[in-house]
C-alpha atoms as a PDB file:
ATOM      1  CA  UNK A   1      19.043  98.277 -44.523  1.00  0.00           C
ATOM      2  CA  UNK A   2      21.147  96.861 -41.911  1.00  0.00           C
ATOM      3  CA  UNK A   3      21.309  93.186 -41.330  1.00  0.00           C
ATOM      4  CA  UNK A   4      21.251  91.730 -37.827  1.00  0.00           C
ATOM      5  CA  UNK A   5      22.145  88.324 -36.311  1.00  0.00           C
ATOM      6  CA  UNK A   6      20.755  85.526 -38.167  1.00  0.00           C
ATOM      7  CA  UNK A   7      17.406  84.229 -36.910  1.00  0.00           C
ATOM      8  CA  UNK A   8      17.354  80.286 -36.137  1.00  0.00           C
ATOM      9  CA  UNK A   9      15.214  78.486 -38.397  1.00  0.00           C
ATOM     10  CA  UNK A  10      14.504  75.445 -35.989  1.00  0.00           C
ATOM     11  CA  UNK A  11      14.811  74.175 -32.447  1.00  0.00           C
ATOM     12  CA  UNK A  12      15.153  76.456 -29.547  1.00  0.00           C
ATOM     13  CA  UNK A  13      18.145  78.607 -28.779  1.00  0.00           C
ATOM     14  CA  UNK A  14      20.120  77.586 -25.867  1.00  0.00           C
ATOM     15  CA  UNK A  15      19.796  79.890 -22.937  1.00  0.00           C
ATOM     16  CA  UNK A  16      22.767  82.317 -22.273  1.00  0.00           C
ATOM     17  CA  UNK A  17      25.419  80.287 -20.060  1.00  0.00           C
ATOM     18  CA  UNK A  18      24.195  76.887 -21.057  1.00  0.00           C
ATOM     19  CA  UNK A  19      25.508  74.627 -23.566  1.00  0.00           C
ATOM     20  CA  UNK A  20      23.196  72.290 -26.024  1.00  0.00           C
ATOM     21  CA  UNK A  21      22.868  68.640 -24.787  1.00  0.00           C
ATOM     22  CA  UNK A  22      23.847  66.075 -27.433  1.00  0.00           C
ATOM     23  CA  UNK A  23      21.058  63.551 -28.608  1.00  0.00           C
ATOM     24  CA  UNK A  24      22.841  60.704 -26.949  1.00  0.00           C
ATOM     25  CA  UNK A  25      22.403  62.331 -23.725  1.00  0.00           C
ATOM     26  CA  UNK A  26      18.738  62.843 -24.249  1.00  0.00           C
ATOM     27  CA  UNK A  27      18.568  59.061 -24.982  1.00  0.00           C
ATOM     28  CA  UNK A  28      20.475  58.222 -21.712  1.00  0.00           C
ATOM     29  CA  UNK A  29      18.148  60.513 -19.609  1.00  0.00           C
ATOM     30  CA  UNK A  30      15.117  58.847 -21.114  1.00  0.00           C
ATOM     31  CA  UNK A  31      16.584  55.523 -20.255  1.00  0.00           C
ATOM     32  CA  UNK A  32      17.134  56.462 -16.814  1.00  0.00           C
ATOM     33  CA  UNK A  33      13.675  57.866 -16.405  1.00  0.00           C
ATOM     34  CA  UNK A  34      12.150  54.765 -17.467  1.00  0.00           C
ATOM     35  CA  UNK A  35      14.295  52.716 -15.290  1.00  0.00           C
ATOM     36  CA  UNK A  36      13.361  54.861 -12.290  1.00  0.00           C
ATOM     37  CA  UNK A  37       9.639  54.602 -13.255  1.00  0.00           C
ATOM     38  CA  UNK A  38      10.052  50.673 -13.361  1.00  0.00           C
ATOM     39  CA  UNK A  39      11.664  51.025  -9.839  1.00  0.00           C
ATOM     40  CA  UNK A  40       8.703  52.952  -8.466  1.00  0.00           C
ATOM     41  CA  UNK A  41       6.345  50.285  -9.866  1.00  0.00           C
ATOM     42  CA  UNK A  42       8.035  47.095  -8.878  1.00  0.00           C
ATOM     43  CA  UNK A  43       5.639  44.682 -10.871  1.00  0.00           C
ATOM     44  CA  UNK A  44       8.307  41.924 -10.925  1.00  0.00           C
ATOM     45  CA  UNK A  45       8.616  41.918  -7.219  1.00  0.00           C
ATOM     46  CA  UNK A  46       4.867  41.828  -6.857  1.00  0.00           C
ATOM     47  CA  UNK A  47       4.657  38.615  -9.263  1.00  0.00           C
ATOM     48  CA  UNK A  48       7.627  37.106  -7.339  1.00  0.00           C
ATOM     49  CA  UNK A  49       5.885  37.864  -3.943  1.00  0.00           C
ATOM     50  CA  UNK A  50       2.690  36.458  -5.190  1.00  0.00           C
ATOM     51  CA  UNK A  51       4.384  33.341  -6.527  1.00  0.00           C
ATOM     52  CA  UNK A  52       6.331  32.805  -3.147  1.00  0.00           C
ATOM     53  CA  UNK A  53       2.984  33.224  -1.033  1.00  0.00           C
ATOM     54  CA  UNK A  54       1.485  30.758  -3.326  1.00  0.00           C
ATOM     55  CA  UNK A  55       4.214  28.082  -2.870  1.00  0.00           C
ATOM     56  CA  UNK A  56       4.182  28.881   0.991  1.00  0.00           C
ATOM     57  CA  UNK A  57       0.398  28.301   0.951  1.00  0.00           C
ATOM     58  CA  UNK A  58       0.862  24.798  -0.953  1.00  0.00           C
ATOM     59  CA  UNK A  59       3.448  23.960   1.439  1.00  0.00           C
ATOM     60  CA  UNK A  60       1.274  24.824   4.446  1.00  0.00           C
ATOM     61  CA  UNK A  61      -1.701  22.713   3.139  1.00  0.00           C
ATOM     62  CA  UNK A  62       0.566  19.703   2.319  1.00  0.00           C
ATOM     63  CA  UNK A  63       2.051  20.084   5.815  1.00  0.00           C
ATOM     64  CA  UNK A  64      -1.484  20.348   7.322  1.00  0.00           C
ATOM     65  CA  UNK A  65      -2.515  17.164   5.352  1.00  0.00           C
ATOM     66  CA  UNK A  66       0.609  15.467   6.554  1.00  0.00           C
ATOM     67  CA  UNK A  67      -0.167  16.296  10.090  1.00  0.00           C
ATOM     68  CA  UNK A  68      -3.793  15.244   9.763  1.00  0.00           C
ATOM     69  CA  UNK A  69      -2.647  12.023   8.437  1.00  0.00           C
ATOM     70  CA  UNK A  70      -0.080  11.505  11.068  1.00  0.00           C
ATOM     71  CA  UNK A  71      -2.520  12.278  13.916  1.00  0.00           C
ATOM     72  CA  UNK A  72      -4.984   9.831  12.459  1.00  0.00           C
ATOM     73  CA  UNK A  73      -2.295   7.122  12.277  1.00  0.00           C
ATOM     74  CA  UNK A  74      -1.226   7.958  15.790  1.00  0.00           C
ATOM     75  CA  UNK A  75      -4.783   7.797  16.995  1.00  0.00           C
ATOM     76  CA  UNK A  76      -5.304   4.345  15.471  1.00  0.00           C
ATOM     77  CA  UNK A  77      -1.982   3.109  16.579  1.00  0.00           C
ATOM     78  CA  UNK A  78      -2.730   4.338  20.163  1.00  0.00           C
ATOM     79  CA  UNK A  79      -6.171   2.657  20.112  1.00  0.00           C
ATOM     80  CA  UNK A  80      -4.668  -0.645  18.938  1.00  0.00           C
ATOM     81  CA  UNK A  81      -1.915  -0.422  21.515  1.00  0.00           C
ATOM     82  CA  UNK A  82      -4.631   0.091  24.166  1.00  0.00           C
ATOM     83  CA  UNK A  83      -6.588  -2.838  23.160  1.00  0.00           C
ATOM     84  CA  UNK A  84      -3.650  -4.975  22.905  1.00  0.00           C
ATOM     85  CA  UNK A  85      -2.603  -3.926  26.542  1.00  0.00           C
ATOM     86  CA  UNK A  86      -6.201  -4.896  27.879  1.00  0.00           C
ATOM     87  CA  UNK A  87      -6.126  -8.023  26.047  1.00  0.00           C
ATOM     88  CA  UNK A  88      -2.925  -9.058  27.610  1.00  0.00           C
ATOM     89  CA  UNK A  89      -4.098  -8.001  31.050  1.00  0.00           C
ATOM     90  CA  UNK A  90      -7.251 -10.040  30.699  1.00  0.00           C
ATOM     91  CA  UNK A  91      -5.089 -13.073  29.444  1.00  0.00           C
ATOM     92  CA  UNK A  92      -2.760 -12.514  32.604  1.00  0.00           C
ATOM     93  CA  UNK A  93      -5.979 -12.454  34.835  1.00  0.00           C
ATOM     94  CA  UNK A  94      -7.218 -15.757  33.455  1.00  0.00           C
ATOM     95  CA  UNK A  95      -3.985 -17.270  34.074  1.00  0.00           C
ATOM     96  CA  UNK A  96      -3.948 -16.024  37.472  1.00  0.00           C
ATOM     97  CA  UNK A  97      -7.548 -17.778  38.266  1.00  0.00           C
ATOM     98  CA  UNK A  98      -6.188 -21.226  37.260  1.00  0.00           C
ATOM     99  CA  UNK A  99      -9.477 -22.993  38.062  1.00  0.00           C
ATOM    100  CA  UNK A 100      -9.550 -26.389  39.608  1.00  0.00           C
ATOM    101  CA  UNK A 101     -10.133 -28.742  36.767  1.00  0.00           C
ATOM    102  CA  UNK A 102     -10.884 -31.512  39.087  1.00  0.00           C
ATOM    103  CA  UNK A 103     -13.907 -29.652  40.214  1.00  0.00           C
ATOM    104  CA  UNK A 104     -15.108 -28.501  36.913  1.00  0.00           C
ATOM    105  CA  UNK A 105     -14.721 -32.112  35.460  1.00  0.00           C
ATOM    106  CA  UNK A 106     -14.728 -34.535  38.405  1.00  0.00           C
ATOM    107  CA  UNK A 107     -12.907 -37.871  37.551  1.00  0.00           C
ATOM    108  CA  UNK A 108     -14.655 -41.401  38.046  1.00  0.00           C
ATOM    109  CA  UNK A 109     -13.655 -44.812  37.832  1.00  0.00           C
ATOM    110  CA  UNK A 110     -17.077 -45.953  37.275  1.00  0.00           C
ATOM    111  CA  UNK A 111     -17.819 -44.911  33.739  1.00  0.00           C
ATOM    112  CA  UNK A 112     -17.844 -48.449  32.320  1.00  0.00           C
ATOM    113  CA  UNK A 113     -19.762 -49.862  35.095  1.00  0.00           C
ATOM    114  CA  UNK A 114     -22.323 -47.222  34.718  1.00  0.00           C
ATOM    115  CA  UNK A 115     -22.696 -47.797  31.172  1.00  0.00           C
ATOM    116  CA  UNK A 116     -23.013 -51.435  31.435  1.00  0.00           C
ATOM    117  CA  UNK A 117     -25.689 -50.941  34.107  1.00  0.00           C
ATOM    118  CA  UNK A 118     -27.791 -48.975  31.860  1.00  0.00           C
ATOM    119  CA  UNK A 119     -27.398 -51.774  29.044  1.00  0.00           C
ATOM    120  CA  UNK A 120     -28.849 -54.327  31.440  1.00  0.00           C
ATOM    121  CA  UNK A 121     -31.684 -52.165  32.114  1.00  0.00           C
ATOM    122  CA  UNK A 122     -32.502 -51.860  28.388  1.00  0.00           C
ATOM    123  CA  UNK A 123     -31.763 -55.254  27.348  1.00  0.00           C
ATOM    124  CA  UNK A 124     -31.720 -57.527  30.428  1.00  0.00           C
ATOM    125  CA  UNK A 125     -29.705 -60.743  30.295  1.00  0.00           C
ATOM    126  CA  UNK A 126     -29.279 -60.429  26.667  1.00  0.00           C
ATOM    127  CA  UNK A 127     -26.983 -57.428  27.063  1.00  0.00           C
ATOM    128  CA  UNK A 128     -24.172 -59.779  27.913  1.00  0.00           C
ATOM    129  CA  UNK A 129     -24.183 -61.273  24.428  1.00  0.00           C
ATOM    130  CA  UNK A 130     -25.690 -58.386  22.227  1.00  0.00           C
ATOM    131  CA  UNK A 131     -23.669 -55.408  23.645  1.00  0.00           C
ATOM    132  CA  UNK A 132     -19.956 -55.329  23.978  1.00  0.00           C
ATOM    133  CA  UNK A 133     -18.617 -52.488  26.199  1.00  0.00           C
ATOM    134  CA  UNK A 134     -15.011 -51.849  26.287  1.00  0.00           C
ATOM    135  CA  UNK A 135     -12.876 -50.388  29.057  1.00  0.00           C
ATOM    136  CA  UNK A 136     -12.473 -46.555  29.327  1.00  0.00           C
ATOM    137  CA  UNK A 137      -9.541 -45.287  27.287  1.00  0.00           C
ATOM    138  CA  UNK A 138      -7.840 -42.320  28.917  1.00  0.00           C
ATOM    139  CA  UNK A 139      -6.049 -39.713  26.890  1.00  0.00           C
ATOM    140  CA  UNK A 140      -4.889 -35.989  27.486  1.00  0.00           C
ATOM    141  CA  UNK A 141      -7.355 -33.627  26.112  1.00  0.00           C
ATOM    142  CA  UNK A 142      -5.399 -31.310  23.419  1.00  0.00           C
ATOM    143  CA  UNK A 143      -4.906 -27.835  24.272  1.00  0.00           C
ATOM    144  CA  UNK A 144      -5.803 -28.112  27.779  1.00  0.00           C
ATOM    145  CA  UNK A 145      -3.954 -28.444  31.104  1.00  0.00           C
ATOM    146  CA  UNK A 146      -4.905 -31.177  33.504  1.00  0.00           C
ATOM    147  CA  UNK A 147      -7.817 -32.429  31.695  1.00  0.00           C
ATOM    148  CA  UNK A 148      -8.292 -35.997  30.272  1.00  0.00           C
ATOM    149  CA  UNK A 149     -10.686 -37.321  27.765  1.00  0.00           C
ATOM    150  CA  UNK A 150     -12.299 -40.649  28.696  1.00  0.00           C
ATOM    151  CA  UNK A 151     -13.956 -42.818  25.955  1.00  0.00           C
ATOM    152  CA  UNK A 152     -15.555 -46.113  26.074  1.00  0.00           C
ATOM    153  CA  UNK A 153     -16.261 -47.949  22.867  1.00  0.00           C
ATOM    154  CA  UNK A 154     -19.252 -49.939  22.460  1.00  0.00           C
ATOM    155  CA  UNK A 155     -20.594 -52.348  19.712  1.00  0.00           C
ATOM    156  CA  UNK A 156     -24.112 -53.545  19.470  1.00  0.00           C
ATOM    157  CA  UNK A 157     -24.968 -56.622  17.375  1.00  0.00           C
ATOM    158  CA  UNK A 158     -28.265 -57.058  15.654  1.00  0.00           C
ATOM    159  CA  UNK A 159     -30.812 -55.218  17.871  1.00  0.00           C
ATOM    160  CA  UNK A 160     -33.860 -53.182  17.501  1.00  0.00           C
ATOM    161  CA  UNK A 161     -33.072 -49.558  16.735  1.00  0.00           C
ATOM    162  CA  UNK A 162     -35.593 -48.488  19.374  1.00  0.00           C
ATOM    163  CA  UNK A 163     -33.632 -50.063  22.111  1.00  0.00           C
ATOM    164  CA  UNK A 164     -30.214 -48.575  20.739  1.00  0.00           C
ATOM    165  CA  UNK A 165     -31.659 -45.197  20.847  1.00  0.00           C
ATOM    166  CA  UNK A 166     -33.249 -45.719  24.162  1.00  0.00           C
ATOM    167  CA  UNK A 167     -29.805 -46.601  25.613  1.00  0.00           C
ATOM    168  CA  UNK A 168     -28.050 -43.516  24.143  1.00  0.00           C
ATOM    169  CA  UNK A 169     -30.648 -41.442  25.565  1.00  0.00           C
ATOM    170  CA  UNK A 170     -30.434 -43.010  29.242  1.00  0.00           C
ATOM    171  CA  UNK A 171     -26.823 -43.510  29.594  1.00  0.00           C
ATOM    172  CA  UNK A 172     -26.098 -39.768  30.442  1.00  0.00           C
ATOM    173  CA  UNK A 173     -28.994 -39.833  32.933  1.00  0.00           C
ATOM    174  CA  UNK A 174     -27.469 -42.567  35.040  1.00  0.00           C
ATOM    175  CA  UNK A 175     -27.696 -41.682  38.853  1.00  0.00           C
ATOM    176  CA  UNK A 176     -23.911 -42.048  39.004  1.00  0.00           C
ATOM    177  CA  UNK A 177     -23.012 -39.602  36.539  1.00  0.00           C
ATOM    178  CA  UNK A 178     -25.723 -37.147  37.442  1.00  0.00           C
ATOM    179  CA  UNK A 179     -24.777 -37.179  41.168  1.00  0.00           C
ATOM    180  CA  UNK A 180     -21.192 -36.907  40.439  1.00  0.00           C
ATOM    181  CA  UNK A 181     -21.430 -33.946  38.047  1.00  0.00           C
ATOM    182  CA  UNK A 182     -20.123 -36.013  35.123  1.00  0.00           C
ATOM    183  CA  UNK A 183     -21.227 -34.950  31.710  1.00  0.00           C
ATOM    184  CA  UNK A 184     -21.264 -37.918  29.628  1.00  0.00           C
ATOM    185  CA  UNK A 185     -22.025 -37.469  25.707  1.00  0.00           C
ATOM    186  CA  UNK A 186     -22.022 -39.666  22.510  1.00  0.00           C
ATOM    187  CA  UNK A 187     -18.825 -38.622  20.513  1.00  0.00           C
ATOM    188  CA  UNK A 188     -19.306 -41.226  17.690  1.00  0.00           C
ATOM    189  CA  UNK A 189     -22.385 -43.080  16.438  1.00  0.00           C
ATOM    190  CA  UNK A 190     -22.792 -45.252  13.269  1.00  0.00           C
ATOM    191  CA  UNK A 191     -25.536 -47.663  12.561  1.00  0.00           C
ATOM    192  CA  UNK A 192     -26.234 -50.133   9.715  1.00  0.00           C
ATOM    193  CA  UNK A 193     -28.711 -53.017   9.178  1.00  0.00           C
ATOM    194  CA  UNK A 194     -27.534 -56.347  10.505  1.00  0.00           C
ATOM    195  CA  UNK A 195     -29.786 -59.344  10.177  1.00  0.00           C
ATOM    196  CA  UNK A 196     -33.181 -58.780  11.776  1.00  0.00           C
ATOM    197  CA  UNK A 197     -31.964 -55.572  13.497  1.00  0.00           C
ATOM    198  CA  UNK A 198     -29.164 -53.092  13.492  1.00  0.00           C
ATOM    199  CA  UNK A 199     -25.413 -53.052  14.198  1.00  0.00           C
ATOM    200  CA  UNK A 200     -24.289 -49.870  16.035  1.00  0.00           C
ATOM    201  CA  UNK A 201     -21.036 -48.452  17.022  1.00  0.00           C
ATOM    202  CA  UNK A 202     -20.995 -46.081  19.770  1.00  0.00           C
ATOM    203  CA  UNK A 203     -18.409 -44.030  21.598  1.00  0.00           C
ATOM    204  CA  UNK A 204     -19.477 -42.375  25.145  1.00  0.00           C
ATOM    205  CA  UNK A 205     -17.131 -39.750  26.083  1.00  0.00           C
ATOM    206  CA  UNK A 206     -16.580 -37.464  29.019  1.00  0.00           C
ATOM    207  CA  UNK A 207     -14.094 -34.987  30.212  1.00  0.00           C
ATOM    208  CA  UNK A 208     -12.468 -35.374  33.516  1.00  0.00           C
ATOM    209  CA  UNK A 209      -9.748 -33.618  35.658  1.00  0.00           C
ATOM    210  CA  UNK A 210      -6.442 -35.522  36.146  1.00  0.00           C
ATOM    211  CA  UNK A 211      -6.549 -36.745  39.630  1.00  0.00           C
ATOM    212  CA  UNK A 212      -2.788 -35.840  40.253  1.00  0.00           C
ATOM    213  CA  UNK A 213      -3.306 -32.295  38.712  1.00  0.00           C
ATOM    214  CA  UNK A 214      -3.404 -29.641  41.258  1.00  0.00           C
ATOM    215  CA  UNK A 215      -4.054 -25.947  40.212  1.00  0.00           C
ATOM    216  CA  UNK A 216      -1.113 -23.579  41.061  1.00  0.00           C
ATOM    217  CA  UNK A 217      -2.281 -20.530  42.652  1.00  0.00           C
END
């Protein structure tokens, strides 16, 4: 019995003309194949892209919110500026008008005389001793231009309250005041018992234009 070439017991026999690949080469090829497969399925790039897209969306939302807030602030500031300009224009128009205060508040030299005349109508001759009427005190009216405050101080001694109230009621209705357009009013009034009657302190006041004041057109 003749013997031939030995039969390989394991593995595959290399083809004629090719040499067997060492195990290290197999491992290297496997690693390269895995790397190529990962390169063909770029999951990391997808995650990164999604992350960048999320960041971009968040930035866009923040930018839109900031734009909306800025737009609202601009609208409020614009409306405020518009109202301010209109108010300044109205003030300037009022300054241009410059009404004649002497027509609005006509001056008079007969304030004390008119008040005294009404007192005589109420008390008769007793007014000379029971009612003390001072001269008109003229002072500039605060926060006004060309307008004075005229005040007449009066003191009544021990008189019936009915007559005091009647006098207060009839002074502003005096013909001299009514015809001249003078608006007289009581700016101070105090009353207290005094003997058989009442003592009263009364201030009559009216506003009047300063005679030398002329409105500037």
